[in-house]
């Protein structure tokens, strides 16, 4: 899935939905980051842990800016870093 698609799903839909349901920023960040990590089930656990941490950062970034472009750009940077470290 593309980075844009993932950001729409995990930050734009899941984060916002969790925030509407629970009213707590930390719950929304945790749920969206956890789901983001689980969605990458085909990767080794070390990568999944990295992805959950990145998901937390992306969730906080989205909450602070209320703009999906910001976590989208950060997501691209995280992917570039991951690719450069592990290839």
C-alpha atoms as a PDB file:
ATOM      1  CA  UNK A   1       0.000   0.000   0.000  1.00  0.00           C
ATOM      2  CA  UNK A   2       1.248   3.481  -0.699  1.00  0.00           C
ATOM      3  CA  UNK A   3       2.319   5.827   2.062  1.00  0.00           C
ATOM      4  CA  UNK A   4      -0.554   8.158   1.192  1.00  0.00           C
ATOM      5  CA  UNK A   5      -3.054   5.314   1.485  1.00  0.00           C
ATOM      6  CA  UNK A   6      -1.622   4.217   4.818  1.00  0.00           C
ATOM      7  CA  UNK A   7      -1.789   7.756   6.181  1.00  0.00           C
ATOM      8  CA  UNK A   8      -5.399   8.130   5.087  1.00  0.00           C
ATOM      9  CA  UNK A   9      -6.317   4.836   6.761  1.00  0.00           C
ATOM     10  CA  UNK A  10      -4.270   4.979   9.982  1.00  0.00           C
ATOM     11  CA  UNK A  11      -4.198   8.694  10.752  1.00  0.00           C
ATOM     12  CA  UNK A  12      -7.081  10.102   8.711  1.00  0.00           C
ATOM     13  CA  UNK A  13      -9.667   7.418   9.531  1.00  0.00           C
ATOM     14  CA  UNK A  14      -8.519   5.259  12.461  1.00  0.00           C
ATOM     15  CA  UNK A  15      -6.922   8.027  14.541  1.00  0.00           C
ATOM     16  CA  UNK A  16      -9.847  10.392  14.034  1.00  0.00           C
ATOM     17  CA  UNK A  17     -12.385   7.631  14.684  1.00  0.00           C
ATOM     18  CA  UNK A  18     -10.657   6.563  17.899  1.00  0.00           C
ATOM     19  CA  UNK A  19     -10.474  10.184  19.014  1.00  0.00           C
ATOM     20  CA  UNK A  20     -14.222  10.546  18.404  1.00  0.00           C
ATOM     21  CA  UNK A  21     -14.973   7.340  20.322  1.00  0.00           C
ATOM     22  CA  UNK A  22     -12.594   7.689  23.256  1.00  0.00           C
ATOM     23  CA  UNK A  23     -11.835  11.404  23.387  1.00  0.00           C
ATOM     24  CA  UNK A  24      -8.241  10.704  24.422  1.00  0.00           C
ATOM     25  CA  UNK A  25      -5.272  11.612  22.239  1.00  0.00           C
ATOM     26  CA  UNK A  26      -3.031   8.903  23.699  1.00  0.00           C
ATOM     27  CA  UNK A  27      -5.626   6.192  23.003  1.00  0.00           C
ATOM     28  CA  UNK A  28      -5.933   7.365  19.398  1.00  0.00           C
ATOM     29  CA  UNK A  29      -2.161   7.401  18.972  1.00  0.00           C
ATOM     30  CA  UNK A  30      -1.779   3.950  20.563  1.00  0.00           C
ATOM     31  CA  UNK A  31      -4.569   2.346  18.519  1.00  0.00           C
ATOM     32  CA  UNK A  32      -3.491   3.807  15.198  1.00  0.00           C
ATOM     33  CA  UNK A  33       0.194   2.997  15.834  1.00  0.00           C
ATOM     34  CA  UNK A  34      -0.606  -0.543  16.967  1.00  0.00           C
ATOM     35  CA  UNK A  35      -2.791  -1.182  13.929  1.00  0.00           C
ATOM     36  CA  UNK A  36      -0.078   0.309  11.715  1.00  0.00           C
ATOM     37  CA  UNK A  37       2.432  -2.161  13.181  1.00  0.00           C
ATOM     38  CA  UNK A  38       0.075  -5.141  12.880  1.00  0.00           C
ATOM     39  CA  UNK A  39      -0.604  -4.248   9.240  1.00  0.00           C
ATOM     40  CA  UNK A  40       3.092  -4.909   8.598  1.00  0.00           C
ATOM     41  CA  UNK A  41       2.761  -8.473   9.957  1.00  0.00           C
ATOM     42  CA  UNK A  42       4.925  -9.894   7.197  1.00  0.00           C
ATOM     43  CA  UNK A  43       8.052  -8.151   8.500  1.00  0.00           C
ATOM     44  CA  UNK A  44      10.353  -9.376  11.294  1.00  0.00           C
ATOM     45  CA  UNK A  45       9.432  -8.322  14.835  1.00  0.00           C
ATOM     46  CA  UNK A  46      12.288  -5.814  15.010  1.00  0.00           C
ATOM     47  CA  UNK A  47      10.883  -3.975  12.002  1.00  0.00           C
ATOM     48  CA  UNK A  48       7.359  -4.145  13.420  1.00  0.00           C
ATOM     49  CA  UNK A  49       8.580  -2.535  16.650  1.00  0.00           C
ATOM     50  CA  UNK A  50      10.244   0.224  14.595  1.00  0.00           C
ATOM     51  CA  UNK A  51       7.005   0.660  12.647  1.00  0.00           C
ATOM     52  CA  UNK A  52       4.948   1.004  15.839  1.00  0.00           C
ATOM     53  CA  UNK A  53       7.355   3.679  17.127  1.00  0.00           C
ATOM     54  CA  UNK A  54       7.128   5.471  13.786  1.00  0.00           C
ATOM     55  CA  UNK A  55       3.335   5.150  14.011  1.00  0.00           C
ATOM     56  CA  UNK A  56       3.392   6.872  17.409  1.00  0.00           C
ATOM     57  CA  UNK A  57       5.462   9.721  15.986  1.00  0.00           C
ATOM     58  CA  UNK A  58       3.173   9.999  12.953  1.00  0.00           C
ATOM     59  CA  UNK A  59       0.080  10.007  15.172  1.00  0.00           C
ATOM     60  CA  UNK A  60       1.464  12.748  17.398  1.00  0.00           C
ATOM     61  CA  UNK A  61       2.516  14.707  14.326  1.00  0.00           C
ATOM     62  CA  UNK A  62      -0.946  14.439  12.831  1.00  0.00           C
ATOM     63  CA  UNK A  63      -2.601  15.441  16.103  1.00  0.00           C
ATOM     64  CA  UNK A  64      -0.369  18.503  16.474  1.00  0.00           C
ATOM     65  CA  UNK A  65      -0.722  19.703  12.868  1.00  0.00           C
ATOM     66  CA  UNK A  66      -4.182  18.386  11.852  1.00  0.00           C
ATOM     67  CA  UNK A  67      -2.680  18.017   8.378  1.00  0.00           C
ATOM     68  CA  UNK A  68      -2.135  14.605   6.748  1.00  0.00           C
ATOM     69  CA  UNK A  69       0.610  16.009   4.508  1.00  0.00           C
ATOM     70  CA  UNK A  70       2.965  16.323   7.496  1.00  0.00           C
ATOM     71  CA  UNK A  71       2.835  12.668   8.627  1.00  0.00           C
ATOM     72  CA  UNK A  72       2.873  11.620   4.963  1.00  0.00           C
ATOM     73  CA  UNK A  73       6.209  13.385   4.445  1.00  0.00           C
ATOM     74  CA  UNK A  74       7.528  12.000   7.752  1.00  0.00           C
ATOM     75  CA  UNK A  75       6.398   8.523   6.635  1.00  0.00           C
ATOM     76  CA  UNK A  76       8.392   8.856   3.433  1.00  0.00           C
ATOM     77  CA  UNK A  77      11.465   9.918   5.425  1.00  0.00           C
ATOM     78  CA  UNK A  78      11.024   6.956   7.825  1.00  0.00           C
ATOM     79  CA  UNK A  79      10.802   4.568   4.855  1.00  0.00           C
ATOM     80  CA  UNK A  80      13.948   6.032   3.323  1.00  0.00           C
ATOM     81  CA  UNK A  81      15.790   5.613   6.648  1.00  0.00           C
ATOM     82  CA  UNK A  82      14.567   2.055   7.040  1.00  0.00           C
ATOM     83  CA  UNK A  83      15.619   1.178   3.494  1.00  0.00           C
ATOM     84  CA  UNK A  84      19.055   2.769   3.941  1.00  0.00           C
ATOM     85  CA  UNK A  85      19.761   0.922   7.222  1.00  0.00           C
ATOM     86  CA  UNK A  86      18.599  -2.517   6.155  1.00  0.00           C
ATOM     87  CA  UNK A  87      19.615  -2.909   2.520  1.00  0.00           C
END
